Structure formats: C-alpha cells, structure tokens
Amino acid sequence: MQFSTPLLPARLILRYKRFLADVRLQDGREVTAHCANPGSMMGLAEPGMKLWLEPNDDPKKKLKYGWRLVDHENGHFTGVDTSIPNKALKAALLDHAVPGLPPYTLVRPEVKYGENSRIDFLLSGDGTDCYVEVKSVTLSRKPGLAEFPDSVTARGAKHLAELARMAVAGHRAIMLYLVQRTDCDAVTLARDIDPAYASAFAAAQAKGVQVLAFGCNISPQEITVGASMPFRP
C-alpha cells in the first residue's frame, strides 16, 4: 500500500486525547496531526521522536496531517496508523500473496457477522468460508519481540469469541497479527497488560481458531505485508 501523498518529516511535541498530536515540521511550524491509534502507543509517543506525516487537502477533514510512522532513526520504522494493516493485507490477499492462505477468489472486507460484529475479511472460493480478524501490533518491550495488545482491549476479546463461534460452526477462522515494526522478528501476547485478552485467546485456540503472524515492509513511501513471523504462545 503506497501512501497517497509524499510523507513529511516532523518531531513530536505531545500526543494527547489519544487521537491528537502536536508536532513541529521541518520549517518550524507547529501543527496538530490526527493520530489514528486508540492504543497506549507505549514507547512510540515520546516528545522529540521523529515522525512521518501524511498531508491532505480534503476540505471535509479538520486536521490537515495524519501521523503515519515513527522513525527510530536507526534504519527501522513503526507504523502507527491502525487502519493501514487492513489496506495492506487486502492488497496482498487480492494478489494471492499471503503465505498460509490459499488463493481465495472472493475477498470481502467488513462483513457483518456474529453478535453485532464485523469481520475484517471474509474469504470465499474453495468451498469453505474463511473468517480473518486482523490486529495491528506496534508494542515492543524486548529487542526483536513484538507484543499485542498495548492496552486493555475488551473489543479484541470479543473478536476472539466471535471467531471461536465460527470455528465451532465448521468455518476456518484466523486471528492474524500484522506487526507494523521493522525491528521485530517474532510476536507474542502481552499477558501482563490484558490477562482477559490472553484468556480469550487461549479459549479461541482451543475451539479451533488458527493464528498467523506477518511482519511489514515499511518506508516513508509505502507499507506492504512482509514475511511470515513466528508466534510465541
């Protein structure tokens, strides 16, 4: 997935109210950017960090900049926009380029199912429906190891329960973790942050929900689905 407009470098002044960030552009101007991330962004929102912003001229948008990346200034990046993984994964699914998934002929995003829920992707075409829930992973507290979640997520636990019901009904159900960091090579659960999510994950696995994990290729030009990554229970 390529960014629609060239990203601009900036420095973080302060992230606040979850979805807002005051930043300083290279020319010295201070602006407010939209932060499309409801999580804690632990380790990714320290004042002074280098960011990459996507500008827009959409008259319907109040904020003219969107925070897309953290630049760790060591050759590595983290994608902070939680909407991007679904866009990147959709492109990979349509290209039949997701290891572990056969080339489904029909890829439908945001399909209603379960109890007032929407599945990120419903895949069809080989005789069995495949339900895929996608989570963006950005937390890393140990070198090379990504963790999910970075804050308590009752919604995430609900999604696992919905997937489990699909698996019990005979469908293929997949929990897919997409690690938006280029400095990690494995992913696990942050059980200490959300024990309830960890319990829901174990229950879903016991009922047949499968787990896939992938890294991302990230640059100020684009974010694409990368290689498969081991999931450590």
C-alpha atoms as a PDB file:
ATOM      1  CA  MET A   1       0.000   0.000   0.000  1.00  0.00           C
ATOM      2  CA  GLN A   2       1.574   3.230  -1.153  1.00  0.00           C
ATOM      3  CA  PHE A   3       0.872   6.480   0.643  1.00  0.00           C
ATOM      4  CA  SER A   4      -1.330   8.701  -1.491  1.00  0.00           C
ATOM      5  CA  THR A   5       0.788  11.796  -0.913  1.00  0.00           C
ATOM      6  CA  PRO A   6       4.503  12.142  -0.011  1.00  0.00           C
ATOM      7  CA  LEU A   7       5.095  12.000   3.736  1.00  0.00           C
ATOM      8  CA  LEU A   8       6.686  14.879   5.603  1.00  0.00           C
ATOM      9  CA  PRO A   9       9.183  14.510   8.487  1.00  0.00           C
ATOM     10  CA  ALA A  10       8.366  16.121  11.826  1.00  0.00           C
ATOM     11  CA  ARG A  11       9.156  15.945  15.538  1.00  0.00           C
ATOM     12  CA  LEU A  12       6.593  15.030  18.170  1.00  0.00           C
ATOM     13  CA  ILE A  13       5.753  17.671  20.739  1.00  0.00           C
ATOM     14  CA  LEU A  14       2.888  15.884  22.512  1.00  0.00           C
ATOM     15  CA  ARG A  15       0.304  13.191  21.870  1.00  0.00           C
ATOM     16  CA  TYR A  16      -2.951  13.750  23.776  1.00  0.00           C
ATOM     17  CA  LYS A  17      -6.618  12.725  23.854  1.00  0.00           C
ATOM     18  CA  ARG A  18      -5.433   9.554  22.067  1.00  0.00           C
ATOM     19  CA  PHE A  19      -6.189  10.849  18.595  1.00  0.00           C
ATOM     20  CA  LEU A  20      -4.329  14.167  18.567  1.00  0.00           C
ATOM     21  CA  ALA A  21      -0.635  15.008  18.333  1.00  0.00           C
ATOM     22  CA  ASP A  22       1.091  18.369  18.292  1.00  0.00           C
ATOM     23  CA  VAL A  23       4.173  18.233  16.068  1.00  0.00           C
ATOM     24  CA  ARG A  24       6.851  20.505  14.695  1.00  0.00           C
ATOM     25  CA  LEU A  25       7.503  20.449  10.959  1.00  0.00           C
ATOM     26  CA  GLN A  26      10.971  20.891   9.492  1.00  0.00           C
ATOM     27  CA  ASP A  27      10.227  24.516   8.655  1.00  0.00           C
ATOM     28  CA  GLY A  28       9.493  25.209  12.328  1.00  0.00           C
ATOM     29  CA  ARG A  29       5.714  25.385  12.079  1.00  0.00           C
ATOM     30  CA  GLU A  30       3.735  23.680  14.840  1.00  0.00           C
ATOM     31  CA  VAL A  31       0.613  21.830  13.684  1.00  0.00           C
ATOM     32  CA  THR A  32      -1.843  19.289  15.073  1.00  0.00           C
ATOM     33  CA  ALA A  33      -1.984  15.885  13.391  1.00  0.00           C
ATOM     34  CA  HIS A  34      -4.579  13.132  13.579  1.00  0.00           C
ATOM     35  CA  CYS A  35      -3.307  10.009  15.320  1.00  0.00           C
ATOM     36  CA  ALA A  36      -5.292   7.003  14.076  1.00  0.00           C
ATOM     37  CA  ASN A  37      -4.404   4.761  17.003  1.00  0.00           C
ATOM     38  CA  PRO A  38      -6.637   4.131  20.048  1.00  0.00           C
ATOM     39  CA  GLY A  39      -3.969   2.217  21.973  1.00  0.00           C
ATOM     40  CA  SER A  40      -1.417   3.390  24.511  1.00  0.00           C
ATOM     41  CA  MET A  41       1.362   3.595  21.878  1.00  0.00           C
ATOM     42  CA  MET A  42       3.779   2.632  24.622  1.00  0.00           C
ATOM     43  CA  GLY A  43       7.324   3.614  23.634  1.00  0.00           C
ATOM     44  CA  LEU A  44       6.152   5.367  20.470  1.00  0.00           C
ATOM     45  CA  ALA A  45       4.914   8.737  21.701  1.00  0.00           C
ATOM     46  CA  GLU A  46       7.873  10.280  23.484  1.00  0.00           C
ATOM     47  CA  PRO A  47       8.382  14.009  22.869  1.00  0.00           C
ATOM     48  CA  GLY A  48      11.149  14.633  20.358  1.00  0.00           C
ATOM     49  CA  MET A  49      10.642  11.439  18.382  1.00  0.00           C
ATOM     50  CA  LYS A  50      10.936  11.703  14.616  1.00  0.00           C
ATOM     51  CA  LEU A  51       7.645  11.138  12.814  1.00  0.00           C
ATOM     52  CA  TRP A  52       6.374  10.999   9.272  1.00  0.00           C
ATOM     53  CA  LEU A  53       3.103  12.759   8.477  1.00  0.00           C
ATOM     54  CA  GLU A  54       0.761  12.427   5.517  1.00  0.00           C
ATOM     55  CA  PRO A  55      -0.673  15.803   4.445  1.00  0.00           C
ATOM     56  CA  ASN A  56      -4.108  16.142   2.884  1.00  0.00           C
ATOM     57  CA  ASP A  57      -6.173  18.863   1.262  1.00  0.00           C
ATOM     58  CA  ASP A  58      -9.547  17.241   1.939  1.00  0.00           C
ATOM     59  CA  PRO A  59     -11.982  20.044   2.909  1.00  0.00           C
ATOM     60  CA  LYS A  60     -14.013  17.520   4.923  1.00  0.00           C
ATOM     61  CA  LYS A  61     -11.085  16.854   7.263  1.00  0.00           C
ATOM     62  CA  LYS A  62     -10.481  19.269  10.105  1.00  0.00           C
ATOM     63  CA  LEU A  63      -6.853  18.191  10.548  1.00  0.00           C
ATOM     64  CA  LYS A  64      -4.577  18.513   7.527  1.00  0.00           C
ATOM     65  CA  TYR A  65      -1.970  15.995   8.651  1.00  0.00           C
ATOM     66  CA  GLY A  66      -2.122  12.332   9.623  1.00  0.00           C
ATOM     67  CA  TRP A  67       0.581  10.641  11.706  1.00  0.00           C
ATOM     68  CA  ARG A  68       1.689   7.529   9.837  1.00  0.00           C
ATOM     69  CA  LEU A  69       5.165   6.448  11.017  1.00  0.00           C
ATOM     70  CA  VAL A  70       7.659   6.623  13.833  1.00  0.00           C
ATOM     71  CA  ASP A  71      11.215   6.828  12.506  1.00  0.00           C
ATOM     72  CA  HIS A  72      13.551   5.218  15.049  1.00  0.00           C
ATOM     73  CA  GLU A  73      16.478   6.863  13.252  1.00  0.00           C
ATOM     74  CA  ASN A  74      18.419   3.602  13.149  1.00  0.00           C
ATOM     75  CA  GLY A  75      17.034   2.304   9.868  1.00  0.00           C
ATOM     76  CA  HIS A  76      13.824   0.972  11.454  1.00  0.00           C
ATOM     77  CA  PHE A  77      10.243   2.220  11.339  1.00  0.00           C
ATOM     78  CA  THR A  78       6.968   1.594  13.150  1.00  0.00           C
ATOM     79  CA  GLY A  79       3.610   2.202  11.511  1.00  0.00           C
ATOM     80  CA  VAL A  80       1.183   3.752  13.984  1.00  0.00           C
ATOM     81  CA  ASP A  81      -1.975   4.049  11.866  1.00  0.00           C
ATOM     82  CA  THR A  82      -4.141   1.055  12.808  1.00  0.00           C
ATOM     83  CA  SER A  83      -6.162   1.302   9.588  1.00  0.00           C
ATOM     84  CA  ILE A  84      -3.176   0.606   7.357  1.00  0.00           C
ATOM     85  CA  PRO A  85      -2.761  -3.146   8.076  1.00  0.00           C
ATOM     86  CA  ASN A  86      -6.185  -3.899   6.616  1.00  0.00           C
ATOM     87  CA  LYS A  87      -5.387  -1.915   3.494  1.00  0.00           C
ATOM     88  CA  ALA A  88      -2.021  -3.629   3.070  1.00  0.00           C
ATOM     89  CA  LEU A  89      -3.475  -7.069   3.754  1.00  0.00           C
ATOM     90  CA  LYS A  90      -6.324  -6.547   1.294  1.00  0.00           C
ATOM     91  CA  ALA A  91      -3.814  -5.798  -1.456  1.00  0.00           C
ATOM     92  CA  ALA A  92      -1.855  -8.940  -0.569  1.00  0.00           C
ATOM     93  CA  LEU A  93      -4.997 -11.087  -0.473  1.00  0.00           C
ATOM     94  CA  LEU A  94      -6.099  -9.857  -3.883  1.00  0.00           C
ATOM     95  CA  ASP A  95      -2.623 -10.673  -5.209  1.00  0.00           C
ATOM     96  CA  HIS A  96      -2.814 -14.142  -3.601  1.00  0.00           C
ATOM     97  CA  ALA A  97       0.403 -13.305  -1.782  1.00  0.00           C
ATOM     98  CA  VAL A  98      -0.348 -14.293   1.817  1.00  0.00           C
ATOM     99  CA  PRO A  99       1.505 -17.463   2.898  1.00  0.00           C
ATOM    100  CA  GLY A 100      -0.768 -19.884   4.711  1.00  0.00           C
ATOM    101  CA  LEU A 101      -3.862 -18.766   2.835  1.00  0.00           C
ATOM    102  CA  PRO A 102      -4.935 -20.364  -0.456  1.00  0.00           C
ATOM    103  CA  PRO A 103      -5.906 -18.111  -3.379  1.00  0.00           C
ATOM    104  CA  TYR A 104      -9.496 -17.348  -2.427  1.00  0.00           C
ATOM    105  CA  THR A 105     -11.451 -15.915  -5.334  1.00  0.00           C
ATOM    106  CA  LEU A 106     -13.668 -13.631  -3.249  1.00  0.00           C
ATOM    107  CA  VAL A 107     -12.248 -11.164  -0.709  1.00  0.00           C
ATOM    108  CA  ARG A 108     -14.904  -9.216   1.193  1.00  0.00           C
ATOM    109  CA  PRO A 109     -13.901  -6.685   3.854  1.00  0.00           C
ATOM    110  CA  GLU A 110     -16.019  -5.559   6.810  1.00  0.00           C
ATOM    111  CA  VAL A 111     -18.750  -8.200   6.575  1.00  0.00           C
ATOM    112  CA  LYS A 112     -21.382  -8.271   9.329  1.00  0.00           C
ATOM    113  CA  TYR A 113     -21.441 -11.477  11.365  1.00  0.00           C
ATOM    114  CA  GLY A 114     -21.913 -12.797  14.885  1.00  0.00           C
ATOM    115  CA  GLU A 115     -23.425 -10.522  17.512  1.00  0.00           C
ATOM    116  CA  ASN A 116     -23.270  -7.032  16.048  1.00  0.00           C
ATOM    117  CA  SER A 117     -19.715  -7.529  14.778  1.00  0.00           C
ATOM    118  CA  ARG A 118     -17.868  -7.132  11.515  1.00  0.00           C
ATOM    119  CA  ILE A 119     -15.120  -9.468  10.363  1.00  0.00           C
ATOM    120  CA  ASP A 120     -12.137  -7.744   8.788  1.00  0.00           C
ATOM    121  CA  PHE A 121     -12.121 -10.158   5.829  1.00  0.00           C
ATOM    122  CA  LEU A 122     -14.444 -12.939   4.739  1.00  0.00           C
ATOM    123  CA  LEU A 123     -12.703 -15.114   2.165  1.00  0.00           C
ATOM    124  CA  SER A 124     -14.607 -17.495  -0.083  1.00  0.00           C
ATOM    125  CA  GLY A 125     -13.994 -19.619  -3.128  1.00  0.00           C
ATOM    126  CA  ASP A 126     -12.699 -23.040  -2.115  1.00  0.00           C
ATOM    127  CA  GLY A 127     -15.946 -24.360  -0.661  1.00  0.00           C
ATOM    128  CA  THR A 128     -15.329 -23.152   2.894  1.00  0.00           C
ATOM    129  CA  ASP A 129     -15.635 -19.630   4.197  1.00  0.00           C
ATOM    130  CA  CYS A 130     -12.596 -18.251   5.967  1.00  0.00           C
ATOM    131  CA  TYR A 131     -13.000 -15.534   8.610  1.00  0.00           C
ATOM    132  CA  VAL A 132      -9.909 -13.372   9.154  1.00  0.00           C
ATOM    133  CA  GLU A 133      -9.553 -10.892  12.007  1.00  0.00           C
ATOM    134  CA  VAL A 134      -6.556  -8.548  11.748  1.00  0.00           C
ATOM    135  CA  LYS A 135      -4.735  -6.822  14.591  1.00  0.00           C
ATOM    136  CA  SER A 136      -2.032  -4.182  14.209  1.00  0.00           C
ATOM    137  CA  VAL A 137       0.936  -4.869  16.507  1.00  0.00           C
ATOM    138  CA  THR A 138       3.219  -1.978  17.458  1.00  0.00           C
ATOM    139  CA  LEU A 139       4.402  -2.692  21.008  1.00  0.00           C
ATOM    140  CA  SER A 140       7.919  -3.989  21.658  1.00  0.00           C
ATOM    141  CA  ARG A 141       9.428  -4.107  25.148  1.00  0.00           C
ATOM    142  CA  LYS A 142      12.147  -6.650  24.385  1.00  0.00           C
ATOM    143  CA  PRO A 143      14.526  -6.411  21.409  1.00  0.00           C
ATOM    144  CA  GLY A 144      13.126  -8.279  18.429  1.00  0.00           C
ATOM    145  CA  LEU A 145       9.854  -9.268  20.116  1.00  0.00           C
ATOM    146  CA  ALA A 146       6.519  -7.616  19.284  1.00  0.00           C
ATOM    147  CA  GLU A 147       3.557  -7.863  21.671  1.00  0.00           C
ATOM    148  CA  PHE A 148      -0.214  -7.465  21.476  1.00  0.00           C
ATOM    149  CA  PRO A 149      -2.102  -5.655  22.905  1.00  0.00           C
ATOM    150  CA  ASP A 150      -0.525  -2.445  24.191  1.00  0.00           C
ATOM    151  CA  SER A 151      -3.574  -1.649  26.339  1.00  0.00           C
ATOM    152  CA  VAL A 152      -6.684  -3.422  27.615  1.00  0.00           C
ATOM    153  CA  THR A 153      -8.970  -4.341  24.713  1.00  0.00           C
ATOM    154  CA  ALA A 154     -12.390  -5.741  25.548  1.00  0.00           C
ATOM    155  CA  ARG A 155     -13.225  -5.354  21.855  1.00  0.00           C
ATOM    156  CA  GLY A 156     -10.303  -7.612  20.952  1.00  0.00           C
ATOM    157  CA  ALA A 157     -11.532 -10.296  23.353  1.00  0.00           C
ATOM    158  CA  LYS A 158     -15.000 -10.069  21.799  1.00  0.00           C
ATOM    159  CA  HIS A 159     -13.498 -10.587  18.341  1.00  0.00           C
ATOM    160  CA  LEU A 160     -11.762 -13.755  19.549  1.00  0.00           C
ATOM    161  CA  ALA A 161     -15.051 -15.100  20.915  1.00  0.00           C
ATOM    162  CA  GLU A 162     -16.768 -14.379  17.589  1.00  0.00           C
ATOM    163  CA  LEU A 163     -14.002 -16.177  15.703  1.00  0.00           C
ATOM    164  CA  ALA A 164     -14.324 -19.153  18.042  1.00  0.00           C
ATOM    165  CA  ARG A 165     -18.023 -19.431  17.225  1.00  0.00           C
ATOM    166  CA  MET A 166     -17.219 -19.505  13.517  1.00  0.00           C
ATOM    167  CA  ALA A 167     -14.632 -22.241  14.057  1.00  0.00           C
ATOM    168  CA  VAL A 168     -17.095 -24.335  16.066  1.00  0.00           C
ATOM    169  CA  ALA A 169     -19.626 -23.901  13.229  1.00  0.00           C
ATOM    170  CA  GLY A 170     -17.148 -25.523  10.849  1.00  0.00           C
ATOM    171  CA  HIS A 171     -15.628 -22.494   9.160  1.00  0.00           C
ATOM    172  CA  ARG A 172     -11.962 -21.633   9.014  1.00  0.00           C
ATOM    173  CA  ALA A 173     -11.232 -18.820  11.477  1.00  0.00           C
ATOM    174  CA  ILE A 174      -7.926 -16.985  11.634  1.00  0.00           C
ATOM    175  CA  MET A 175      -6.501 -14.446  14.062  1.00  0.00           C
ATOM    176  CA  LEU A 176      -3.873 -12.589  12.040  1.00  0.00           C
ATOM    177  CA  TYR A 177      -1.328 -10.348  13.747  1.00  0.00           C
ATOM    178  CA  LEU A 178       0.360  -7.863  11.437  1.00  0.00           C
ATOM    179  CA  VAL A 179       3.471  -6.425  13.063  1.00  0.00           C
ATOM    180  CA  GLN A 180       3.948  -2.830  11.969  1.00  0.00           C
ATOM    181  CA  ARG A 181       7.566  -2.736  13.113  1.00  0.00           C
ATOM    182  CA  THR A 182      10.692  -3.490  11.115  1.00  0.00           C
ATOM    183  CA  ASP A 183      12.798  -4.242  14.203  1.00  0.00           C
ATOM    184  CA  CYS A 184      10.943  -7.395  15.325  1.00  0.00           C
ATOM    185  CA  ASP A 185      11.133 -10.997  14.150  1.00  0.00           C
ATOM    186  CA  ALA A 186       8.600 -12.685  16.480  1.00  0.00           C
ATOM    187  CA  VAL A 187       5.318 -11.793  18.184  1.00  0.00           C
ATOM    188  CA  THR A 188       3.589 -12.835  21.398  1.00  0.00           C
ATOM    189  CA  LEU A 189       0.818 -11.760  23.760  1.00  0.00           C
ATOM    190  CA  ALA A 190       1.279  -9.050  26.378  1.00  0.00           C
ATOM    191  CA  ARG A 191      -0.448 -11.105  29.056  1.00  0.00           C
ATOM    192  CA  ASP A 192       0.507  -8.726  31.842  1.00  0.00           C
ATOM    193  CA  ILE A 193      -1.218  -5.821  30.081  1.00  0.00           C
ATOM    194  CA  ASP A 194      -4.509  -7.632  29.374  1.00  0.00           C
ATOM    195  CA  PRO A 195      -4.936 -11.032  31.083  1.00  0.00           C
ATOM    196  CA  ALA A 196      -8.553 -11.200  29.893  1.00  0.00           C
ATOM    197  CA  TYR A 197      -7.451 -10.982  26.272  1.00  0.00           C
ATOM    198  CA  ALA A 198      -4.896 -13.740  26.864  1.00  0.00           C
ATOM    199  CA  SER A 199      -7.620 -15.954  28.345  1.00  0.00           C
ATOM    200  CA  ALA A 200      -9.920 -15.249  25.391  1.00  0.00           C
ATOM    201  CA  PHE A 201      -7.067 -16.110  23.032  1.00  0.00           C
ATOM    202  CA  ALA A 202      -6.469 -19.484  24.733  1.00  0.00           C
ATOM    203  CA  ALA A 203     -10.185 -20.287  24.622  1.00  0.00           C
ATOM    204  CA  ALA A 204     -10.395 -19.374  20.931  1.00  0.00           C
ATOM    205  CA  GLN A 205      -7.397 -21.546  20.058  1.00  0.00           C
ATOM    206  CA  ALA A 206      -8.924 -24.467  21.952  1.00  0.00           C
ATOM    207  CA  LYS A 207     -12.024 -24.151  19.760  1.00  0.00           C
ATOM    208  CA  GLY A 208     -10.049 -24.211  16.526  1.00  0.00           C
ATOM    209  CA  VAL A 209      -9.099 -20.608  15.775  1.00  0.00           C
ATOM    210  CA  GLN A 210      -5.800 -20.525  13.882  1.00  0.00           C
ATOM    211  CA  VAL A 211      -3.050 -17.949  14.316  1.00  0.00           C
ATOM    212  CA  LEU A 212      -0.966 -16.311  11.596  1.00  0.00           C
ATOM    213  CA  ALA A 213       1.580 -13.529  12.014  1.00  0.00           C
ATOM    214  CA  PHE A 214       3.413 -11.401   9.479  1.00  0.00           C
ATOM    215  CA  GLY A 215       5.844  -8.547   9.522  1.00  0.00           C
ATOM    216  CA  CYS A 216       5.659  -5.440   7.369  1.00  0.00           C
ATOM    217  CA  ASN A 217       7.963  -3.747   4.911  1.00  0.00           C
ATOM    218  CA  ILE A 218       7.836  -0.093   5.949  1.00  0.00           C
ATOM    219  CA  SER A 219       9.253   3.066   4.409  1.00  0.00           C
ATOM    220  CA  PRO A 220       8.056   6.674   4.037  1.00  0.00           C
ATOM    221  CA  GLN A 221       6.808   5.599   0.603  1.00  0.00           C
ATOM    222  CA  GLU A 222       4.737   2.517   1.404  1.00  0.00           C
ATOM    223  CA  ILE A 223       3.775  -0.266   3.799  1.00  0.00           C
ATOM    224  CA  THR A 224       3.383  -3.811   2.492  1.00  0.00           C
ATOM    225  CA  VAL A 225       2.857  -7.221   4.072  1.00  0.00           C
ATOM    226  CA  GLY A 226       6.207  -8.869   4.733  1.00  0.00           C
ATOM    227  CA  ALA A 227       7.372 -12.347   5.606  1.00  0.00           C
ATOM    228  CA  SER A 228       5.618 -14.707   7.982  1.00  0.00           C
ATOM    229  CA  MET A 229       6.681 -14.387  11.584  1.00  0.00           C
ATOM    230  CA  PRO A 230       6.674 -16.949  14.409  1.00  0.00           C
ATOM    231  CA  PHE A 231       4.029 -16.526  17.078  1.00  0.00           C
ATOM    232  CA  ARG A 232       5.232 -17.414  20.546  1.00  0.00           C
ATOM    233  CA  PRO A 233       2.357 -18.615  22.770  1.00  0.00           C
END
